[in-house]
């Protein structure tokens, strides 16, 4: 039996996306922001989310510039603002977070490749730790224990 009302789910998701990425009700959403939101909320592993985020924000050379990494973080952190967690996961912490990623690169190009980005994300930067926490909660919701 399907217990999910697809129309209601779609409507709630749309309202959430608009609340997050079009709070001024302009009627316009950036495709990248929409993809980021759906990617973070989708039911897949954090590792797959990180890979997709990299591909969504990287340059044509498959590298992430500091500006692109900043934009990635802004788009992800908008979700925390919608649930009133912006003090803990503040956009003010983005410059330091970008710098922590850039410290992992050894060359002078000042760009991050995919393996380095994934390695950095797996260290769970403080302002992104909620992504893995959300995944753990969603996974735990599906667990059923037989009780006597």
N, C-alpha and C. Protein backbone atom coordinates (compact mmCIF):
# COMPACT_ATOMS: atom_id res chain seq x y z
N UNK A 1 0.84 -1.19 0.00
CA UNK A 1 0.00 0.00 0.00
C UNK A 1 0.88 1.25 0.00
N UNK A 2 0.56 2.17 -0.87
CA UNK A 2 1.32 3.41 -0.96
C UNK A 2 0.73 4.43 0.02
N UNK A 3 1.50 4.79 1.03
CA UNK A 3 1.00 5.70 2.06
C UNK A 3 1.40 7.15 1.80
N UNK A 4 1.95 7.42 0.64
CA UNK A 4 2.45 8.75 0.36
C UNK A 4 1.55 9.43 -0.67
N UNK A 5 1.05 10.59 -0.34
CA UNK A 5 0.26 11.39 -1.27
C UNK A 5 1.24 12.18 -2.13
N UNK A 6 1.41 11.77 -3.38
CA UNK A 6 2.42 12.36 -4.26
C UNK A 6 2.14 13.84 -4.55
N UNK A 7 0.89 14.18 -4.72
CA UNK A 7 0.56 15.58 -4.99
C UNK A 7 0.87 16.46 -3.78
N UNK A 8 0.52 15.97 -2.60
CA UNK A 8 0.82 16.72 -1.38
C UNK A 8 2.33 16.84 -1.18
N UNK A 9 3.05 15.75 -1.41
CA UNK A 9 4.51 15.77 -1.28
C UNK A 9 5.13 16.78 -2.24
N UNK A 10 4.65 16.79 -3.48
CA UNK A 10 5.18 17.73 -4.47
C UNK A 10 4.88 19.17 -4.06
N UNK A 11 3.68 19.41 -3.57
CA UNK A 11 3.29 20.75 -3.14
C UNK A 11 4.12 21.23 -1.94
N UNK A 12 4.33 20.34 -0.97
CA UNK A 12 5.13 20.70 0.20
C UNK A 12 6.59 20.97 -0.20
N UNK A 13 7.10 20.15 -1.10
CA UNK A 13 8.48 20.34 -1.56
C UNK A 13 8.61 21.66 -2.29
N UNK A 14 7.66 21.96 -3.17
CA UNK A 14 7.69 23.23 -3.89
C UNK A 14 7.63 24.40 -2.92
N UNK A 15 6.75 24.34 -1.95
CA UNK A 15 6.64 25.42 -0.96
C UNK A 15 7.94 25.59 -0.18
N UNK A 16 8.58 24.48 0.16
CA UNK A 16 9.86 24.54 0.88
C UNK A 16 10.94 25.18 0.01
N UNK A 17 11.01 24.77 -1.24
CA UNK A 17 12.01 25.33 -2.16
C UNK A 17 11.79 26.83 -2.33
N UNK A 18 10.55 27.23 -2.50
CA UNK A 18 10.24 28.66 -2.66
C UNK A 18 10.60 29.43 -1.39
N UNK A 19 10.27 28.85 -0.23
CA UNK A 19 10.60 29.50 1.05
C UNK A 19 12.11 29.71 1.17
N UNK A 20 12.87 28.71 0.74
CA UNK A 20 14.33 28.78 0.86
C UNK A 20 14.97 29.72 -0.17
N UNK A 21 14.58 29.55 -1.42
CA UNK A 21 15.33 30.19 -2.51
C UNK A 21 14.59 31.33 -3.22
N UNK A 22 13.36 31.61 -2.81
CA UNK A 22 12.64 32.74 -3.38
C UNK A 22 11.79 33.39 -2.29
N UNK A 23 12.44 33.74 -1.21
CA UNK A 23 11.71 34.28 -0.05
C UNK A 23 11.02 35.61 -0.38
N UNK A 24 11.52 36.33 -1.37
CA UNK A 24 10.91 37.58 -1.78
C UNK A 24 9.75 37.39 -2.74
N UNK A 25 9.45 36.14 -3.05
CA UNK A 25 8.34 35.78 -3.95
C UNK A 25 8.42 36.52 -5.29
N UNK A 26 9.59 36.45 -5.91
CA UNK A 26 9.77 37.07 -7.22
C UNK A 26 9.24 36.18 -8.34
N UNK A 27 9.05 34.91 -8.03
CA UNK A 27 8.60 33.97 -9.05
C UNK A 27 9.75 33.39 -9.84
N UNK A 28 10.97 33.64 -9.38
CA UNK A 28 12.15 33.14 -10.09
C UNK A 28 13.01 32.30 -9.15
N UNK A 29 13.46 31.17 -9.66
CA UNK A 29 14.39 30.30 -8.94
C UNK A 29 15.57 30.02 -9.84
N UNK A 30 16.75 30.03 -9.29
CA UNK A 30 17.92 29.64 -10.07
C UNK A 30 17.94 28.11 -10.13
N UNK A 31 18.20 27.59 -11.31
CA UNK A 31 18.21 26.15 -11.51
C UNK A 31 19.23 25.48 -10.59
N UNK A 32 20.38 26.12 -10.44
CA UNK A 32 21.43 25.56 -9.59
C UNK A 32 20.96 25.46 -8.14
N UNK A 33 20.23 26.44 -7.67
CA UNK A 33 19.70 26.41 -6.31
C UNK A 33 18.68 25.30 -6.15
N UNK A 34 17.81 25.16 -7.12
CA UNK A 34 16.81 24.10 -7.08
C UNK A 34 17.47 22.72 -7.07
N UNK A 35 18.46 22.54 -7.93
CA UNK A 35 19.18 21.26 -7.97
C UNK A 35 19.88 20.98 -6.64
N UNK A 36 20.47 22.02 -6.06
CA UNK A 36 21.14 21.85 -4.77
C UNK A 36 20.16 21.40 -3.71
N UNK A 37 19.03 22.04 -3.63
CA UNK A 37 18.01 21.70 -2.63
C UNK A 37 17.54 20.26 -2.81
N UNK A 38 17.16 19.91 -4.02
CA UNK A 38 16.66 18.54 -4.26
C UNK A 38 17.74 17.50 -4.01
N UNK A 39 18.97 17.84 -4.34
CA UNK A 39 20.08 16.92 -4.11
C UNK A 39 20.30 16.67 -2.63
N UNK A 40 20.29 17.72 -1.83
CA UNK A 40 20.49 17.57 -0.40
C UNK A 40 19.35 16.78 0.24
N UNK A 41 18.13 17.00 -0.24
CA UNK A 41 16.97 16.34 0.34
C UNK A 41 16.72 14.93 -0.18
N UNK A 42 17.37 14.56 -1.28
CA UNK A 42 17.09 13.25 -1.87
C UNK A 42 17.63 12.11 -1.00
N UNK A 43 17.12 10.95 -1.26
CA UNK A 43 17.43 9.77 -0.46
C UNK A 43 18.61 9.02 -1.07
N UNK A 44 19.79 9.51 -0.85
CA UNK A 44 21.01 8.85 -1.32
C UNK A 44 22.10 9.08 -0.28
N UNK A 45 23.23 8.48 -0.48
CA UNK A 45 24.31 8.59 0.50
C UNK A 45 24.96 9.97 0.46
N UNK A 46 25.53 10.40 1.56
CA UNK A 46 26.26 11.67 1.54
C UNK A 46 27.35 11.69 0.47
N UNK A 47 28.04 10.57 0.29
CA UNK A 47 29.11 10.51 -0.71
C UNK A 47 28.58 10.83 -2.11
N UNK A 48 27.43 10.28 -2.46
CA UNK A 48 26.84 10.57 -3.76
C UNK A 48 26.41 12.02 -3.85
N UNK A 49 25.90 12.56 -2.77
CA UNK A 49 25.51 13.97 -2.75
C UNK A 49 26.73 14.85 -2.99
N UNK A 50 27.84 14.53 -2.33
CA UNK A 50 29.06 15.32 -2.48
C UNK A 50 29.57 15.28 -3.92
N UNK A 51 29.54 14.10 -4.52
CA UNK A 51 29.97 13.95 -5.91
C UNK A 51 29.11 14.80 -6.83
N UNK A 52 27.80 14.74 -6.64
CA UNK A 52 26.89 15.54 -7.47
C UNK A 52 27.05 17.03 -7.23
N UNK A 53 27.26 17.43 -5.98
CA UNK A 53 27.49 18.84 -5.68
C UNK A 53 28.74 19.35 -6.40
N UNK A 54 29.79 18.53 -6.36
CA UNK A 54 31.02 18.93 -7.05
C UNK A 54 30.73 19.15 -8.53
N UNK A 55 30.07 18.19 -9.15
CA UNK A 55 29.78 18.28 -10.59
C UNK A 55 28.86 19.44 -10.92
N UNK A 56 27.98 19.78 -10.01
CA UNK A 56 27.05 20.89 -10.22
C UNK A 56 27.76 22.24 -10.19
N UNK A 57 28.78 22.37 -9.35
CA UNK A 57 29.43 23.67 -9.16
C UNK A 57 30.81 23.79 -9.79
N UNK A 58 31.35 22.70 -10.32
CA UNK A 58 32.71 22.78 -10.87
C UNK A 58 32.74 23.49 -12.22
N UNK A 59 33.93 23.86 -12.63
CA UNK A 59 34.13 24.51 -13.92
C UNK A 59 34.13 23.46 -15.02
N UNK A 60 34.26 23.92 -16.25
CA UNK A 60 34.33 23.00 -17.39
C UNK A 60 35.57 22.11 -17.32
N UNK A 61 36.56 22.55 -16.55
CA UNK A 61 37.80 21.77 -16.37
C UNK A 61 37.70 20.80 -15.20
N UNK A 62 36.50 20.62 -14.66
CA UNK A 62 36.25 19.75 -13.50
C UNK A 62 37.09 20.16 -12.30
N UNK A 63 37.12 21.46 -12.07
CA UNK A 63 37.80 22.01 -10.91
C UNK A 63 36.86 22.97 -10.21
N UNK A 64 37.03 23.08 -8.92
CA UNK A 64 36.20 23.96 -8.12
C UNK A 64 37.05 25.16 -7.72
N UNK A 65 36.65 26.33 -8.17
CA UNK A 65 37.36 27.55 -7.81
C UNK A 65 36.88 27.98 -6.42
N UNK A 66 37.63 28.83 -5.74
CA UNK A 66 37.16 29.34 -4.45
C UNK A 66 35.79 30.01 -4.56
N UNK A 67 35.54 30.74 -5.64
CA UNK A 67 34.24 31.41 -5.82
C UNK A 67 33.12 30.38 -5.99
N UNK A 68 33.39 29.33 -6.75
CA UNK A 68 32.38 28.28 -6.95
C UNK A 68 32.12 27.52 -5.65
N UNK A 69 33.17 27.26 -4.89
CA UNK A 69 33.00 26.60 -3.60
C UNK A 69 32.18 27.48 -2.66
N UNK A 70 32.44 28.75 -2.68
CA UNK A 70 31.66 29.70 -1.87
C UNK A 70 30.19 29.64 -2.27
N UNK A 71 29.90 29.64 -3.57
CA UNK A 71 28.52 29.59 -4.04
C UNK A 71 27.86 28.26 -3.66
N UNK A 72 28.59 27.18 -3.73
CA UNK A 72 28.08 25.87 -3.30
C UNK A 72 27.64 25.95 -1.84
N UNK A 73 28.52 26.48 -1.00
CA UNK A 73 28.22 26.56 0.43
C UNK A 73 27.03 27.48 0.71
N UNK A 74 26.93 28.59 0.01
CA UNK A 74 25.79 29.49 0.19
C UNK A 74 24.50 28.76 -0.14
N UNK A 75 24.48 28.06 -1.28
CA UNK A 75 23.27 27.35 -1.69
C UNK A 75 22.88 26.25 -0.72
N UNK A 76 23.84 25.57 -0.15
CA UNK A 76 23.55 24.52 0.81
C UNK A 76 23.08 25.11 2.14
N UNK A 77 23.74 26.16 2.59
CA UNK A 77 23.41 26.73 3.89
C UNK A 77 22.08 27.47 3.92
N UNK A 78 21.56 27.84 2.78
CA UNK A 78 20.23 28.46 2.74
C UNK A 78 19.21 27.51 3.36
N UNK A 79 19.43 26.22 3.20
CA UNK A 79 18.50 25.23 3.78
C UNK A 79 18.49 25.30 5.30
N UNK A 80 19.63 25.58 5.91
CA UNK A 80 19.67 25.65 7.37
C UNK A 80 18.96 26.90 7.88
N UNK A 81 18.97 27.96 7.09
CA UNK A 81 18.26 29.18 7.49
C UNK A 81 16.76 28.93 7.57
N UNK A 82 16.25 28.08 6.69
CA UNK A 82 14.80 27.84 6.65
C UNK A 82 14.30 27.08 7.87
N UNK A 83 15.22 26.42 8.58
CA UNK A 83 14.82 25.71 9.80
C UNK A 83 15.44 26.39 11.03
N UNK A 84 15.77 27.68 10.85
CA UNK A 84 16.25 28.54 11.94
C UNK A 84 17.52 28.04 12.62
N UNK A 85 18.44 27.49 11.81
CA UNK A 85 19.74 27.04 12.33
C UNK A 85 20.89 27.88 11.80
N UNK A 86 20.58 29.09 11.31
CA UNK A 86 21.62 29.90 10.70
C UNK A 86 22.69 30.37 11.69
N UNK A 87 22.38 30.39 12.96
CA UNK A 87 23.40 30.79 13.94
C UNK A 87 24.49 29.73 14.05
N UNK A 88 24.08 28.48 14.02
CA UNK A 88 25.04 27.38 14.13
C UNK A 88 25.77 27.17 12.80
N UNK A 89 25.02 27.20 11.71
CA UNK A 89 25.57 26.94 10.37
C UNK A 89 25.55 28.24 9.57
N UNK A 90 26.27 29.21 10.05
CA UNK A 90 26.21 30.58 9.53
C UNK A 90 27.01 30.75 8.24
N UNK A 91 26.45 31.58 7.35
CA UNK A 91 27.18 31.94 6.13
C UNK A 91 28.42 32.77 6.46
N UNK A 92 28.47 33.34 7.65
CA UNK A 92 29.67 34.08 8.07
C UNK A 92 30.89 33.18 8.18
N UNK A 93 30.64 31.88 8.32
CA UNK A 93 31.74 30.92 8.46
C UNK A 93 32.23 30.38 7.12
N UNK A 94 31.62 30.83 6.03
CA UNK A 94 31.99 30.32 4.70
C UNK A 94 33.44 30.63 4.33
N UNK A 95 33.94 31.87 4.51
CA UNK A 95 35.34 32.13 4.13
C UNK A 95 36.33 31.20 4.82
N UNK A 96 36.16 30.96 6.09
CA UNK A 96 37.07 30.05 6.82
C UNK A 96 36.90 28.62 6.33
N UNK A 97 35.68 28.25 5.97
CA UNK A 97 35.43 26.90 5.47
C UNK A 97 36.07 26.72 4.10
N UNK A 98 35.96 27.71 3.23
CA UNK A 98 36.62 27.65 1.92
C UNK A 98 38.13 27.54 2.11
N UNK A 99 38.66 28.32 3.03
CA UNK A 99 40.11 28.28 3.30
C UNK A 99 40.55 26.90 3.78
N UNK A 100 39.72 26.26 4.61
CA UNK A 100 40.09 24.93 5.10
C UNK A 100 40.16 23.91 3.96
N UNK A 101 39.33 24.09 2.96
CA UNK A 101 39.38 23.22 1.78
C UNK A 101 40.62 23.52 0.96
N UNK A 102 40.90 24.80 0.75
CA UNK A 102 42.05 25.19 -0.06
C UNK A 102 43.37 24.77 0.57
N UNK A 103 43.40 24.60 1.88
CA UNK A 103 44.63 24.16 2.55
C UNK A 103 44.99 22.72 2.18
N UNK A 104 44.05 22.00 1.61
CA UNK A 104 44.30 20.60 1.25
C UNK A 104 44.95 20.45 -0.12
N UNK A 105 45.02 21.54 -0.88
CA UNK A 105 45.64 21.44 -2.21
C UNK A 105 47.12 21.78 -2.11
N UNK A 106 47.91 21.11 -2.94
CA UNK A 106 49.36 21.29 -2.83
C UNK A 106 49.93 22.21 -3.91
N UNK A 107 49.22 22.40 -5.01
CA UNK A 107 49.76 23.25 -6.07
C UNK A 107 49.31 24.70 -5.89
N UNK A 108 49.78 25.54 -6.76
CA UNK A 108 49.50 26.97 -6.67
C UNK A 108 48.30 27.41 -7.51
N UNK A 109 47.58 26.45 -8.12
CA UNK A 109 46.48 26.80 -9.00
C UNK A 109 45.28 27.37 -8.26
N UNK A 110 45.17 27.09 -6.98
CA UNK A 110 44.08 27.60 -6.15
C UNK A 110 42.70 27.09 -6.60
N UNK A 111 42.69 25.85 -7.12
CA UNK A 111 41.44 25.18 -7.48
C UNK A 111 41.45 23.79 -6.85
N UNK A 112 40.26 23.25 -6.65
CA UNK A 112 40.13 21.96 -5.98
C UNK A 112 39.60 20.94 -6.97
N UNK A 113 40.28 19.79 -7.05
CA UNK A 113 39.79 18.73 -7.92
C UNK A 113 38.79 17.86 -7.15
N UNK A 114 38.12 16.96 -7.86
CA UNK A 114 37.07 16.16 -7.23
C UNK A 114 37.57 15.28 -6.09
N UNK A 115 38.68 14.53 -6.26
CA UNK A 115 39.14 13.70 -5.14
C UNK A 115 39.46 14.51 -3.87
N UNK A 116 40.05 15.68 -4.04
CA UNK A 116 40.36 16.53 -2.89
C UNK A 116 39.08 17.05 -2.24
N UNK A 117 38.11 17.45 -3.07
CA UNK A 117 36.83 17.92 -2.54
C UNK A 117 36.14 16.82 -1.75
N UNK A 118 36.11 15.62 -2.29
CA UNK A 118 35.45 14.50 -1.60
C UNK A 118 36.17 14.17 -0.29
N UNK A 119 37.48 14.19 -0.32
CA UNK A 119 38.27 13.94 0.90
C UNK A 119 37.94 14.99 1.96
N UNK A 120 37.87 16.24 1.54
CA UNK A 120 37.54 17.33 2.45
C UNK A 120 36.13 17.18 3.00
N UNK A 121 35.17 16.88 2.15
CA UNK A 121 33.78 16.72 2.60
C UNK A 121 33.65 15.55 3.57
N UNK A 122 34.41 14.50 3.37
CA UNK A 122 34.36 13.36 4.27
C UNK A 122 34.91 13.68 5.65
N UNK A 123 35.65 14.77 5.77
CA UNK A 123 36.12 15.23 7.08
C UNK A 123 35.02 15.99 7.82
N UNK A 124 33.88 16.16 7.17
CA UNK A 124 32.71 16.84 7.72
C UNK A 124 33.02 18.24 8.25
N UNK A 125 33.25 19.19 7.34
CA UNK A 125 33.44 20.57 7.78
C UNK A 125 32.28 21.00 8.69
N UNK A 126 32.59 21.76 9.69
CA UNK A 126 31.62 22.08 10.74
C UNK A 126 30.29 22.62 10.21
N UNK A 127 30.32 23.49 9.21
CA UNK A 127 29.07 24.07 8.74
C UNK A 127 28.28 23.11 7.84
N UNK A 128 28.86 21.94 7.54
CA UNK A 128 28.17 20.97 6.70
C UNK A 128 27.89 19.65 7.41
N UNK A 129 28.22 19.58 8.67
CA UNK A 129 28.05 18.33 9.43
C UNK A 129 26.58 17.90 9.48
N UNK A 130 25.68 18.82 9.33
CA UNK A 130 24.25 18.50 9.38
C UNK A 130 23.81 17.60 8.23
N UNK A 131 24.56 17.60 7.12
CA UNK A 131 24.18 16.75 5.98
C UNK A 131 24.27 15.28 6.36
N UNK A 132 25.36 14.89 6.99
CA UNK A 132 25.50 13.48 7.40
C UNK A 132 24.56 13.16 8.56
N UNK A 133 24.33 14.14 9.42
CA UNK A 133 23.38 13.93 10.52
C UNK A 133 21.98 13.69 9.96
N UNK A 134 21.58 14.48 8.98
CA UNK A 134 20.28 14.30 8.33
C UNK A 134 20.18 12.91 7.71
N UNK A 135 21.26 12.47 7.09
CA UNK A 135 21.28 11.13 6.48
C UNK A 135 21.11 10.04 7.56
N UNK A 136 21.80 10.20 8.66
CA UNK A 136 21.70 9.20 9.74
C UNK A 136 20.28 9.14 10.31
N UNK A 137 19.67 10.30 10.48
CA UNK A 137 18.29 10.34 10.99
C UNK A 137 17.34 9.67 10.02
N UNK A 138 17.47 9.99 8.73
CA UNK A 138 16.59 9.40 7.72
C UNK A 138 16.78 7.89 7.65
N UNK A 139 18.00 7.42 7.78
CA UNK A 139 18.27 5.99 7.78
C UNK A 139 17.67 5.32 9.01
N UNK A 140 17.78 5.97 10.16
CA UNK A 140 17.25 5.41 11.40
C UNK A 140 15.73 5.35 11.40
N UNK A 141 15.09 6.25 10.69
CA UNK A 141 13.63 6.26 10.63
C UNK A 141 13.08 4.98 10.02
N UNK A 142 13.85 4.38 9.13
CA UNK A 142 13.38 3.19 8.43
C UNK A 142 13.62 1.90 9.23
N UNK A 143 14.36 1.99 10.32
CA UNK A 143 14.68 0.80 11.12
C UNK A 143 13.48 0.42 11.98
N UNK A 144 13.16 -0.86 11.94
CA UNK A 144 12.06 -1.37 12.78
C UNK A 144 12.61 -2.47 13.66
N UNK A 145 12.27 -2.40 14.94
CA UNK A 145 12.68 -3.41 15.90
C UNK A 145 11.45 -4.18 16.35
N UNK A 146 11.60 -5.47 16.35
CA UNK A 146 10.51 -6.30 16.83
C UNK A 146 10.47 -6.23 18.35
N UNK A 147 9.32 -5.95 18.91
CA UNK A 147 9.16 -5.87 20.35
C UNK A 147 8.29 -7.01 20.81
N UNK A 148 8.59 -7.52 21.99
CA UNK A 148 7.79 -8.62 22.54
C UNK A 148 6.70 -8.08 23.41
